[in-house]
Protein backbone atom coordinates (compact mmCIF):
# COMPACT_ATOMS: atom_id res chain seq x y z
CA MET A 1 10.78 -48.39 44.93
CA ILE A 2 8.73 -46.09 42.69
CA ARG A 3 6.92 -43.34 44.56
CA ILE A 4 3.88 -41.80 42.95
CA ASN A 5 3.15 -38.13 43.63
CA ILE A 6 -0.63 -38.22 43.79
CA SER A 7 -0.93 -34.43 44.02
CA LEU A 8 1.00 -33.91 40.79
CA ILE A 9 -1.15 -36.44 38.98
CA LEU A 10 -4.29 -34.75 40.24
CA CYS A 11 -3.06 -31.32 39.17
CA ALA A 12 -2.21 -32.60 35.70
CA SER A 13 -5.57 -34.30 35.40
CA LEU A 14 -7.40 -31.16 36.45
CA ALA A 15 -5.44 -29.11 33.90
CA ILE A 16 -6.37 -31.56 31.15
CA LEU A 17 -10.00 -31.41 32.25
CA ARG A 18 -10.00 -27.62 32.30
CA ASP A 19 -8.50 -27.53 28.80
CA ALA A 20 -11.10 -29.98 27.55
CA VAL A 21 -13.91 -27.92 29.07
CA ALA A 22 -12.45 -24.74 27.52
CA VAL A 23 -12.25 -26.38 24.09
CA SER A 24 -15.79 -27.71 24.41
CA THR A 25 -17.06 -24.29 25.49
CA ALA A 26 -15.28 -22.59 22.58
CA GLN A 27 -16.70 -25.11 20.12
CA SER A 28 -20.20 -24.67 21.49
CA SER A 29 -19.91 -20.89 21.41
CA ALA A 30 -18.59 -20.97 17.83
CA ALA A 31 -21.37 -23.30 16.71
CA SER A 32 -23.97 -20.99 18.21
CA ALA A 33 -22.42 -17.88 16.63
CA LEU A 34 -22.18 -19.52 13.21
CA SER A 35 -25.78 -20.70 13.41
CA SER A 36 -26.87 -17.14 14.19
CA LEU A 37 -25.31 -16.13 10.86
CA GLY A 38 -27.45 -18.70 9.10
CA VAL A 39 -24.49 -20.95 8.41
CA SER A 40 -25.37 -24.63 7.98
CA LEU A 41 -22.75 -26.61 9.89
CA PRO A 42 -21.38 -29.95 8.72
CA LYS A 43 -21.74 -32.94 11.00
CA GLY A 44 -19.19 -33.25 13.77
CA GLU A 45 -17.38 -30.81 15.99
CA VAL A 46 -16.80 -27.20 15.10
CA LEU A 47 -13.02 -26.78 15.05
CA VAL A 48 -11.84 -23.39 16.29
CA GLY A 49 -8.34 -22.37 15.21
CA ASP A 50 -8.18 -25.06 12.50
CA VAL A 51 -7.64 -23.36 9.13
CA ARG A 52 -8.52 -26.48 7.15
CA TYR A 53 -11.90 -26.62 8.85
CA THR A 54 -12.37 -22.91 8.12
CA CYS A 55 -11.57 -23.39 4.43
CA ASN A 56 -13.97 -26.33 4.14
CA LEU A 57 -16.71 -24.31 5.81
CA LEU A 58 -16.08 -21.28 3.57
CA ASP A 59 -16.39 -23.52 0.53
CA THR A 60 -19.84 -24.52 1.76
CA VAL A 61 -20.99 -21.04 2.75
CA PHE A 62 -19.82 -19.46 -0.50
CA SER A 63 -20.79 -22.35 -2.74
CA LYS A 64 -21.44 -20.09 -5.74
CA ASN A 65 -17.93 -18.68 -5.50
CA GLU A 66 -15.29 -21.38 -5.15
CA THR A 67 -12.95 -21.26 -2.17
CA PHE A 68 -9.71 -22.09 -3.96
CA THR A 69 -7.42 -24.71 -2.41
CA VAL A 70 -4.23 -26.23 -3.77
CA SER A 71 -6.27 -28.84 -5.66
CA SER A 72 -7.94 -26.14 -7.76
CA SER A 73 -6.49 -25.29 -11.17
CA TYR A 74 -6.99 -21.61 -10.29
CA TYR A 75 -5.01 -21.77 -7.04
CA ASP A 76 -1.49 -21.24 -8.43
CA PRO A 77 -2.52 -18.36 -10.76
CA LEU A 78 -4.21 -16.64 -7.81
CA ILE A 79 -1.13 -17.03 -5.61
CA ASP A 80 1.15 -15.88 -8.43
CA GLU A 81 -0.73 -12.59 -8.76
CA ALA A 82 1.55 -11.29 -6.01
CA TRP A 83 4.01 -8.98 -7.76
CA SER A 84 7.09 -9.93 -5.75
CA GLN A 85 8.13 -13.57 -5.78
CA ASN A 86 8.76 -13.68 -2.03
CA CYS A 87 5.11 -12.68 -1.47
CA ARG A 88 3.76 -15.70 -3.32
CA LEU A 89 2.96 -17.59 -0.15
CA ASN A 90 0.80 -20.69 -0.30
CA ALA A 91 -2.32 -19.88 1.70
CA SER A 92 -4.42 -22.73 3.01
CA CYS A 93 -7.14 -21.38 0.74
CA VAL A 94 -8.00 -18.28 -1.28
CA ILE A 95 -11.44 -16.72 -1.22
CA THR A 96 -12.64 -14.00 -3.58
CA PRO A 97 -15.75 -12.29 -2.15
CA THR A 98 -18.06 -10.67 -4.69
CA SER A 99 -19.84 -8.11 -2.50
CA ALA A 100 -19.59 -6.16 0.72
CA GLN A 101 -22.18 -8.52 2.20
CA GLU A 102 -19.96 -11.51 1.47
CA VAL A 103 -17.00 -9.69 3.05
CA SER A 104 -19.23 -9.12 6.10
CA THR A 105 -20.07 -12.80 6.44
CA LEU A 106 -16.48 -13.80 5.79
CA LEU A 107 -14.99 -11.50 8.45
CA GLN A 108 -17.45 -12.77 11.05
CA ILE A 109 -16.64 -16.40 10.25
CA LEU A 110 -12.89 -15.76 10.47
CA GLU A 111 -13.34 -14.15 13.88
CA ILE A 112 -15.64 -16.88 15.20
CA LEU A 113 -13.24 -19.63 14.07
CA ASP A 114 -10.15 -17.69 15.22
CA THR A 115 -8.52 -18.00 11.79
CA LYS A 116 -5.57 -15.94 10.57
CA PHE A 117 -6.03 -14.09 7.28
CA SER A 118 -4.45 -11.61 4.91
CA ILE A 119 -6.12 -9.20 2.50
CA ARG A 120 -4.98 -8.48 -1.05
CA SER A 121 -6.11 -5.80 -3.47
CA GLY A 122 -3.81 -5.57 -6.50
CA GLY A 123 -0.99 -7.71 -5.11
CA HIS A 124 1.81 -5.15 -5.48
CA ASN A 125 2.76 -5.15 -1.82
CA ILE A 126 6.42 -6.21 -1.62
CA ASN A 127 6.45 -7.02 2.11
CA PRO A 128 5.91 -10.78 2.62
CA GLY A 129 2.82 -11.47 4.68
CA PHE A 130 1.30 -8.00 4.39
CA SER A 131 -1.02 -9.01 1.56
CA SER A 132 -0.14 -12.69 1.54
CA ILE A 133 -0.18 -15.59 3.98
CA GLY A 134 1.10 -19.15 4.23
CA ARG A 135 -0.60 -22.41 5.15
CA GLN A 136 -1.64 -21.05 8.54
CA GLY A 137 -4.31 -18.78 7.09
CA VAL A 138 -6.80 -17.63 4.48
CA LEU A 139 -5.99 -15.17 1.69
CA VAL A 140 -8.88 -12.78 1.04
CA ALA A 141 -8.43 -11.55 -2.55
CA LEU A 142 -10.62 -8.55 -3.38
CA GLU A 143 -10.32 -8.74 -7.17
CA LYS A 144 -14.05 -9.36 -7.68
CA LEU A 145 -14.99 -6.18 -5.82
CA ASP A 146 -14.68 -4.26 -9.09
CA THR A 147 -17.50 -1.72 -8.88
CA LEU A 148 -16.93 1.23 -11.21
CA SER A 149 -19.60 3.93 -11.61
CA LEU A 150 -20.10 7.70 -11.85
CA SER A 151 -22.45 9.95 -9.93
CA ALA A 152 -25.23 11.68 -11.86
CA ASP A 153 -23.31 14.96 -11.90
CA LEU A 154 -20.09 13.14 -12.95
CA GLY A 155 -18.27 14.73 -10.00
CA THR A 156 -17.62 11.49 -8.15
CA VAL A 157 -16.43 8.06 -9.26
CA THR A 158 -17.14 5.00 -7.11
CA ILE A 159 -14.35 2.44 -7.35
CA GLY A 160 -14.07 -1.05 -5.87
CA PRO A 161 -10.67 -2.14 -4.50
CA GLY A 162 -10.46 -4.98 -7.01
CA ASN A 163 -9.93 -2.57 -9.90
CA GLN A 164 -6.58 -1.72 -11.42
CA TRP A 165 -5.87 1.88 -12.37
CA GLY A 166 -5.75 1.15 -16.09
CA THR A 167 -9.38 0.01 -16.00
CA VAL A 168 -10.35 3.15 -14.08
CA TYR A 169 -8.57 5.46 -16.53
CA GLU A 170 -10.13 3.81 -19.57
CA TYR A 171 -13.58 4.07 -18.00
CA LEU A 172 -13.17 7.76 -17.13
CA GLN A 173 -11.60 8.62 -20.47
CA GLY A 174 -14.93 7.88 -22.13
CA TYR A 175 -16.42 10.77 -20.13
CA ASN A 176 -13.42 13.09 -20.59
CA LEU A 177 -12.67 12.74 -16.88
CA SER A 178 -9.75 11.74 -14.69
CA THR A 179 -9.04 11.16 -11.03
CA LEU A 180 -5.94 10.91 -8.85
CA GLY A 181 -4.41 7.47 -9.28
CA GLY A 182 -1.20 5.52 -9.81
CA LEU A 183 1.07 5.93 -12.80
CA GLU A 184 1.32 2.16 -13.22
CA VAL A 185 -1.90 0.93 -14.86
CA VAL A 186 -1.56 -2.56 -13.34
CA VAL A 187 -1.45 -1.25 -9.77
CA GLY A 188 -4.51 -2.03 -7.65
CA VAL A 189 -6.73 0.74 -6.32
CA GLY A 190 -7.02 -0.24 -2.66
CA GLY A 191 -3.53 -0.08 -1.25
CA TYR A 192 -2.46 2.78 -3.46
CA ILE A 193 -5.14 5.06 -1.99
CA LEU A 194 -4.85 3.90 1.60
CA GLY A 195 -1.08 4.30 1.60
CA GLY A 196 -1.44 7.94 0.56
CA GLY A 197 -0.97 7.70 -3.18
CA LEU A 198 1.39 9.87 -5.24
CA SER A 199 -0.25 10.63 -8.57
CA THR A 200 1.41 12.03 -11.69
CA PHE A 201 0.66 15.57 -10.47
CA TYR A 202 0.70 15.05 -6.73
CA ASN A 203 2.32 18.43 -6.10
CA THR A 204 -0.56 20.10 -7.94
CA TYR A 205 -3.56 18.16 -6.62
CA GLY A 206 -2.26 16.56 -3.43
CA LEU A 207 -2.31 12.91 -2.38
CA ALA A 208 -4.93 10.48 -3.65
CA ILE A 209 -6.11 9.86 -0.07
CA ASP A 210 -7.11 13.54 0.09
CA SER A 211 -9.46 13.17 -2.89
CA VAL A 212 -11.57 10.50 -1.16
CA ILE A 213 -15.11 11.67 -0.38
CA ARG A 214 -16.52 8.39 1.00
CA PHE A 215 -15.26 5.03 2.16
CA GLN A 216 -17.53 2.00 2.40
CA VAL A 217 -16.15 -0.13 5.22
CA VAL A 218 -17.04 -3.61 6.43
CA LEU A 219 -16.39 -3.83 10.16
CA PRO A 220 -15.46 -7.12 11.91
CA SER A 221 -18.89 -7.03 13.58
CA GLY A 222 -20.35 -7.49 10.11
CA SER A 223 -21.75 -3.97 9.87
CA ILE A 224 -21.36 -2.26 6.49
CA VAL A 225 -20.93 1.46 7.07
CA ASN A 226 -20.15 4.61 5.14
CA ALA A 227 -17.43 6.95 6.38
CA THR A 228 -17.64 10.56 5.24
CA GLN A 229 -17.07 13.99 6.75
CA THR A 230 -20.58 13.85 8.20
CA GLU A 231 -21.26 10.12 8.68
CA ASN A 232 -18.94 8.16 10.99
CA ALA A 233 -16.67 11.18 10.70
CA ASP A 234 -14.10 9.84 13.16
CA LEU A 235 -13.69 6.69 11.07
CA PHE A 236 -13.39 8.81 7.92
CA LYS A 237 -10.63 10.84 9.54
CA GLY A 238 -8.92 7.69 10.84
CA LEU A 239 -8.89 6.15 7.38
CA LYS A 240 -7.02 9.19 6.08
CA GLY A 241 -3.95 8.23 8.04
CA GLY A 242 -4.92 5.09 9.94
CA LEU A 243 -5.33 3.31 6.64
CA ASN A 244 -5.89 -0.33 5.79
CA ASN A 245 -4.72 -3.65 4.48
CA PHE A 246 -3.09 -3.38 1.08
CA GLY A 247 -0.76 -0.87 -0.52
CA GLU A 248 0.66 0.30 -3.79
CA ASN A 249 2.19 3.16 -5.79
CA ASP A 250 5.15 4.89 -7.35
CA PHE A 251 6.64 6.74 -10.29
CA ILE A 252 7.93 3.89 -12.41
CA TYR A 253 7.18 0.94 -10.19
CA ALA A 254 5.12 0.07 -7.20
CA SER A 255 5.87 -0.96 -3.64
CA PHE A 256 3.33 -1.25 -0.93
CA PRO A 257 3.05 -1.81 2.74
CA GLN A 258 -0.17 -1.82 4.82
CA LEU A 259 -1.61 -0.05 7.73
CA ILE A 260 -4.29 -1.20 10.09
CA VAL A 261 -7.87 0.03 10.25
CA PRO A 262 -10.86 -1.54 11.95
CA GLY A 263 -12.26 -3.25 8.87
CA ILE A 264 -12.00 -3.74 5.11
CA VAL A 265 -12.70 -0.91 2.67
CA THR A 266 -14.96 -2.19 -0.11
CA GLU A 267 -15.69 1.05 -2.00
CA TYR A 268 -14.07 4.44 -2.52
CA ASP A 269 -15.75 7.60 -3.79
CA LEU A 270 -13.13 9.86 -5.39
CA ALA A 271 -13.52 13.35 -6.77
CA THR A 272 -13.14 13.55 -10.56
CA ASN A 273 -11.52 16.21 -12.71
CA THR A 274 -12.71 17.24 -16.16
CA GLY A 275 -10.20 15.98 -18.72
CA VAL A 276 -6.86 17.46 -17.70
CA ASN A 277 -4.76 18.88 -20.53
CA ILE A 278 -1.06 18.53 -19.86
CA PHE A 279 2.45 19.02 -21.18
CA TYR A 280 4.91 16.17 -20.64
CA GLU A 281 8.39 15.08 -21.64
CA ILE A 282 10.59 12.16 -20.54
CA ASN A 283 14.38 12.14 -20.98
CA THR A 284 17.27 9.99 -19.84
CA TYR A 285 20.66 11.21 -18.60
CA THR A 286 24.00 9.51 -18.11
CA LEU A 287 25.23 8.69 -14.62
CA ALA A 288 28.01 11.26 -15.14
CA ASN A 289 25.38 13.98 -15.55
CA THR A 290 23.13 12.76 -12.74
CA PRO A 291 24.77 15.03 -10.09
CA ALA A 292 23.83 18.00 -12.27
CA VAL A 293 20.26 16.68 -12.53
CA LEU A 294 20.04 16.40 -8.74
CA ALA A 295 21.49 19.89 -8.23
CA ALA A 296 18.89 21.29 -10.64
CA TYR A 297 16.19 19.29 -8.84
CA ALA A 298 17.11 20.86 -5.50
CA THR A 299 16.84 24.33 -7.05
CA TYR A 300 13.52 23.45 -8.73
CA LEU A 301 11.92 22.10 -5.53
CA GLN A 302 12.66 25.23 -3.55
CA ASP A 303 10.61 27.39 -5.91
CA ALA A 304 8.50 25.01 -7.99
CA ASP A 305 5.46 26.10 -9.97
CA ILE A 306 2.54 24.25 -8.35
CA ASN A 307 1.23 23.25 -11.79
CA SER A 308 4.42 21.32 -12.51
CA ASN A 309 5.94 18.08 -11.42
CA VAL A 310 9.37 16.53 -11.95
CA GLU A 311 9.95 12.84 -11.21
CA ILE A 312 13.39 11.26 -11.15
CA GLN A 313 14.33 7.59 -11.16
CA ILE A 314 18.00 6.68 -10.93
CA ASN A 315 18.99 3.23 -12.17
CA PRO A 316 22.41 1.50 -12.27
CA THR A 317 23.12 2.59 -15.87
CA TYR A 318 21.00 5.70 -16.49
CA THR A 319 18.73 8.31 -14.90
CA MET A 320 15.21 8.95 -16.15
CA VAL A 321 13.37 12.25 -15.63
CA PHE A 322 9.69 13.02 -16.20
CA TYR A 323 8.68 16.66 -16.71
CA GLY A 324 4.96 17.40 -16.45
CA TYR A 325 2.85 20.54 -16.43
CA VAL A 326 -0.92 21.11 -16.17
CA GLY A 327 -2.07 22.88 -19.33
CA HIS A 328 -1.18 22.95 -23.01
CA VAL A 329 2.00 25.01 -23.12
CA SER A 330 5.46 25.16 -24.62
CA THR A 331 8.29 23.91 -22.39
CA PRO A 332 7.53 25.73 -19.10
CA ALA A 333 10.11 28.12 -17.65
CA THR A 334 10.06 26.23 -14.32
CA PHE A 335 12.10 23.48 -16.04
CA ASP A 336 14.81 25.90 -17.25
CA VAL A 337 17.17 24.80 -14.45
CA PHE A 338 17.48 21.45 -16.26
CA SER A 339 17.92 22.85 -19.79
CA ASP A 340 21.73 23.01 -19.88
CA ILE A 341 22.20 19.36 -18.85
CA PRO A 342 23.01 17.12 -21.85
CA VAL A 343 20.23 14.63 -22.59
CA ALA A 344 21.30 11.06 -23.30
CA SER A 345 18.06 10.06 -25.00
CA VAL A 346 14.51 11.32 -25.46
CA LEU A 347 11.94 8.70 -24.46
CA TYR A 348 8.97 11.02 -25.05
CA PRO A 349 9.52 14.40 -26.77
CA PRO A 350 7.73 17.53 -25.51
CA THR A 351 4.05 16.70 -25.96
CA ASN A 352 0.71 18.39 -25.36
CA GLY A 353 -1.87 15.77 -24.55
CA SER A 354 -4.30 14.66 -21.86
CA LEU A 355 -3.58 13.08 -18.50
CA PRO A 356 -5.50 9.86 -19.31
CA GLU A 357 -3.56 9.53 -22.59
CA LEU A 358 -0.28 9.87 -20.73
CA LEU A 359 -1.21 7.33 -18.08
CA LEU A 360 -2.52 4.77 -20.54
CA THR A 361 0.49 5.28 -22.85
CA ILE A 362 3.36 4.92 -20.39
CA GLY A 363 1.58 3.25 -17.48
CA ALA A 364 2.59 -0.28 -18.47
CA SER A 365 6.30 0.52 -18.34
CA GLY A 366 8.59 -0.04 -15.38
CA LEU A 367 10.27 -2.88 -13.59
CA SER A 368 9.08 -6.43 -14.14
CA SER A 369 7.49 -8.69 -11.58
CA ASP A 370 10.20 -11.32 -11.94
CA GLY A 371 12.20 -12.08 -8.82
CA ILE A 372 12.16 -10.63 -5.32
CA SER A 373 11.50 -6.99 -4.50
CA TYR A 374 12.51 -5.01 -1.42
CA GLY A 375 12.57 -1.32 -0.53
CA GLY A 376 12.44 1.36 2.12
CA THR A 377 12.11 5.11 2.53
CA PHE A 378 12.94 8.16 4.60
CA THR A 379 12.24 11.91 4.36
CA PHE A 380 14.47 14.96 4.43
CA GLU A 381 14.01 18.68 3.92
CA VAL A 382 15.53 20.23 0.80
CA THR A 383 17.48 23.37 1.65
CA GLY A 384 20.09 22.85 -1.05
CA ALA A 385 21.74 20.13 -3.13
CA ALA A 386 24.16 18.83 -0.48
CA LEU A 387 22.21 15.85 0.86
CA LEU A 388 20.89 14.90 -2.58
CA GLN A 389 24.48 14.63 -3.75
CA VAL A 390 25.35 12.49 -0.72
CA THR A 391 22.40 10.19 -1.42
CA TYR A 392 23.65 9.66 -4.96
CA GLU A 393 27.19 8.84 -3.83
CA VAL A 394 25.87 6.33 -1.29
CA TYR A 395 23.59 4.87 -3.98
CA LEU A 396 26.53 4.32 -6.36
CA GLU A 397 28.53 2.64 -3.59
CA ALA A 398 25.59 0.34 -2.90
CA VAL A 399 25.24 -0.56 -6.59
CA ALA A 400 28.93 -1.43 -6.73
CA SER A 401 28.58 -3.71 -3.70
CA LEU A 402 25.69 -5.71 -5.16
CA PRO A 403 25.82 -8.56 -7.68
CA SER A 404 25.03 -7.42 -11.22
CA GLU A 405 21.76 -9.38 -11.14
CA ALA A 406 20.41 -7.10 -8.40
CA GLU A 407 18.93 -3.92 -9.88
CA LEU A 408 18.93 -1.12 -7.31
CA SER A 409 16.83 1.97 -8.06
CA TYR A 410 16.73 5.28 -6.25
CA VAL A 411 13.69 7.56 -6.54
CA PRO A 412 13.97 10.97 -4.84
CA GLN A 413 10.29 11.94 -4.75
CA GLY A 414 10.24 15.71 -4.38
CA VAL A 415 7.32 17.19 -2.43
CA ILE A 416 6.55 20.90 -2.32
CA PRO A 417 4.47 22.77 0.32
CA ASN A 418 1.41 22.87 -1.95
CA LEU A 419 0.90 19.12 -1.49
CA VAL A 420 0.83 19.57 2.28
CA THR A 421 -1.55 22.53 2.27
CA LYS A 422 -3.83 20.77 -0.23
CA GLY A 423 -3.99 17.78 2.11
CA LYS A 424 -5.00 19.96 5.04
CA ALA A 425 -7.68 21.80 3.05
CA GLN A 426 -9.38 18.95 1.14
CA ASN A 427 -12.15 16.74 2.51
CA GLY A 428 -11.32 17.15 6.18
CA GLY A 429 -7.53 16.86 5.92
CA ASN A 430 -5.41 13.86 6.86
CA LEU A 431 -3.45 12.47 9.81
CA LEU A 432 -0.04 12.24 8.15
CA GLY A 433 1.51 15.06 10.17
CA LEU A 434 3.37 16.55 7.20
CA THR A 435 5.52 19.67 7.36
CA ALA A 436 4.88 22.34 4.69
CA THR A 437 8.43 22.63 3.37
CA PRO A 438 10.25 21.42 0.23
CA GLN A 439 11.24 17.82 0.94
CA VAL A 440 12.13 14.49 -0.60
CA TRP A 441 10.43 11.19 0.19
CA MET A 442 13.41 9.09 -0.81
CA ASP A 443 12.71 5.57 -2.01
CA VAL A 444 15.41 2.92 -2.43
CA PHE A 445 14.19 -0.21 -4.20
CA VAL A 446 15.88 -3.40 -5.37
CA GLN A 447 14.79 -6.31 -7.55
CA PHE A 448 16.82 -9.49 -7.69
CA PRO A 449 16.50 -13.19 -8.56
CA ALA A 450 15.68 -15.67 -5.81
CA THR A 451 19.05 -17.37 -6.41
CA LEU A 452 20.86 -14.52 -4.63
CA ASN A 453 21.31 -14.33 -0.87
CA GLN A 454 18.17 -12.44 0.13
CA SER A 455 19.38 -11.14 3.49
CA ALA A 456 22.62 -9.87 1.94
CA VAL A 457 20.79 -7.89 -0.75
CA THR A 458 18.11 -6.46 1.53
CA GLY A 459 20.80 -5.66 4.06
CA VAL A 460 22.39 -3.29 1.55
CA VAL A 461 19.12 -1.36 1.23
CA ASP A 462 18.74 -1.20 5.03
CA SER A 463 22.32 0.02 5.33
CA VAL A 464 21.77 2.75 2.72
CA LEU A 465 18.68 3.99 4.57
CA ALA A 466 20.45 3.95 7.94
CA ASN A 467 23.48 5.82 6.60
CA LEU A 468 21.42 8.46 4.84
CA THR A 469 19.10 8.94 7.79
CA SER A 470 22.18 9.59 9.91
CA SER A 471 23.50 12.04 7.31
CA ALA A 472 20.18 13.91 7.20
CA LYS A 473 20.14 14.21 10.98
CA SER A 474 23.73 15.46 11.06
CA GLN A 475 22.88 18.12 8.46
CA GLY A 476 19.75 19.15 10.39
CA VAL A 477 17.35 18.32 7.53
CA PHE A 478 15.86 15.02 8.74
CA LEU A 479 12.04 14.82 8.76
CA PRO A 480 10.26 11.98 10.60
CA TYR A 481 7.60 11.17 8.00
CA ILE A 482 7.68 7.67 6.50
CA PHE A 483 5.72 7.34 3.25
CA VAL A 484 3.63 4.24 3.70
CA ASN A 485 3.57 3.12 0.07
CA ASP A 486 7.36 2.75 0.10
CA ALA A 487 8.05 1.63 3.69
CA SER A 488 9.96 -1.53 4.52
CA PRO A 489 8.43 -4.24 6.72
CA THR A 490 10.53 -3.16 9.71
CA GLN A 491 9.76 0.56 9.55
CA LYS A 492 7.10 2.21 11.75
CA PRO A 493 5.15 4.69 9.61
CA LEU A 494 2.35 5.27 12.12
CA GLN A 495 4.84 6.66 14.62
CA SER A 496 6.04 9.12 11.98
CA PHE A 497 2.60 10.77 11.92
CA GLY A 498 3.19 12.18 15.40
CA THR A 499 2.04 11.11 18.87
CA GLU A 500 -1.33 12.90 18.75
CA ASN A 501 -2.31 11.38 15.40
CA LEU A 502 -1.13 7.93 16.47
CA LYS A 503 -3.30 8.09 19.58
CA TYR A 504 -6.28 9.19 17.50
CA ILE A 505 -5.83 6.21 15.17
CA ASP A 506 -5.71 3.92 18.22
CA VAL A 507 -8.96 5.37 19.60
CA VAL A 508 -10.74 4.89 16.26
CA ALA A 509 -9.42 1.33 15.91
CA LYS A 510 -10.70 0.38 19.37
CA LYS A 511 -14.10 1.98 18.79
CA TYR A 512 -14.85 0.25 15.49
CA ASP A 513 -12.98 -3.00 16.21
CA PRO A 514 -13.32 -3.45 20.00
CA ASN A 515 -12.21 -7.08 19.87
CA GLY A 516 -9.07 -6.19 17.91
CA VAL A 517 -9.87 -8.65 15.13
CA MET A 518 -7.88 -6.76 12.50
CA GLN A 519 -4.87 -6.52 14.78
CA LYS A 520 -4.93 -10.07 16.16
CA LEU A 521 -5.99 -12.17 13.19
CA GLN A 522 -4.61 -10.18 10.26
CA ASN A 523 -1.34 -11.79 9.27
CA ARG A 524 1.01 -8.80 9.05
CA ALA A 525 0.56 -5.03 8.87
CA TYR A 526 1.67 -1.84 10.56
CA PHE A 527 -0.33 -2.44 13.73
CA VAL A 528 -1.14 0.62 15.81
CA SER A 529 -0.99 -1.57 18.92
CA GLU A 530 2.67 -2.31 18.15
CA GLU A 531 3.64 1.28 17.34
CA LEU A 532 2.14 3.02 20.39
């Protein structure tokens, strides 16, 4: 005999009824909120949490600017703008807002409809999902936010995040001006700045983030606000460490994670410099002579002329070194420590030129966008050459363990105390928690075809970082800072800024984004809520 448990049936029925009421309430609330924005709703129910419904609605709201779906001929080219192949995720739709006001409307719609999204500036982020998203969400591509203008006194340039640095340099060159930006001309503005930004002469002028005078920010509430030292000053400070949703930078290539802020930055005001005259030279060295290059680098960093910069990139078959100096000079004495090392080839002979000329001449070089990219970073104090030599030995071992198709690069980015003191003195300082000592922000970066085992290749990079971090700690030279532009998806850069700065970022995020929209609906980022 079948016995029916009436109480269980009633409980199940009540649960179904409650769910139905909750859905109906959410739909009604969403419809009301959308109507208050002036959005004309299609017939039928408003579907909350349904990305297809969201994309269809966005196509109606932004009818003058197509919301690109897979049926559009522009969809694949937009997806393929991601630099690393593993970041070319097929979003449900791609939308390209043309103004801060459109970003405002868009953010409010995404919150109301509880839709996941990701934000892309230049597309050089190599962490899947940080500036890309799959079918479960909307990709917000900022390429049409390409404002570019100068203040009346020519002291400030206003730049939209959709610009690439090459466009900025060409624009400023016409006025005999420059600003702190990426060496790669195809790198986008947004993530490069918000990740910190190492320029060609970062040890002379500091980080790009420190040259920002104003941010224009669209908050999830829809408000469009300015953040300066005097207006929304706490947000301004939070952005100089709390950062945002796209990233990019580096000496010869670019790699870019994202941090979380309570909104989307739609304009940057950066300080300009009157045309900078420089000396530069680029040489290559054999792998056999690379230990001598690193030994000289350690000596150089401990007493570097603040008007100079030396950049090193070590590749599987050669090492490349950039020597730069602010001013028209003969080969500066600060580079003498490198002079006895045999040069394999001269890529650019000693040259007196301008900074814009340099950037526009060599800025299109570097690694290609073919294949998958992956990298990570850690920081150590330079008290001598010992750890630099260890890093090179570990690098060579890693190269030998990888298939020949995987190109592993090692970039020991040397930072001198002047960069740190500049950051503390300019435009209100930053929240990076840096120590004023000679140091290296080591970057290990690999590119490889999708045919290789991805976890095996990336595992080699992770192993290198773990081994070298352990070595730095054992030698007493480990520093906690994680440079955002080069961090891996599993690293926690916000924690590296220090507890006090992390808490400040959290307070700012909660004040300007009380509903946590950027932390709940953004696809992937370095969320302060996860790093506390």
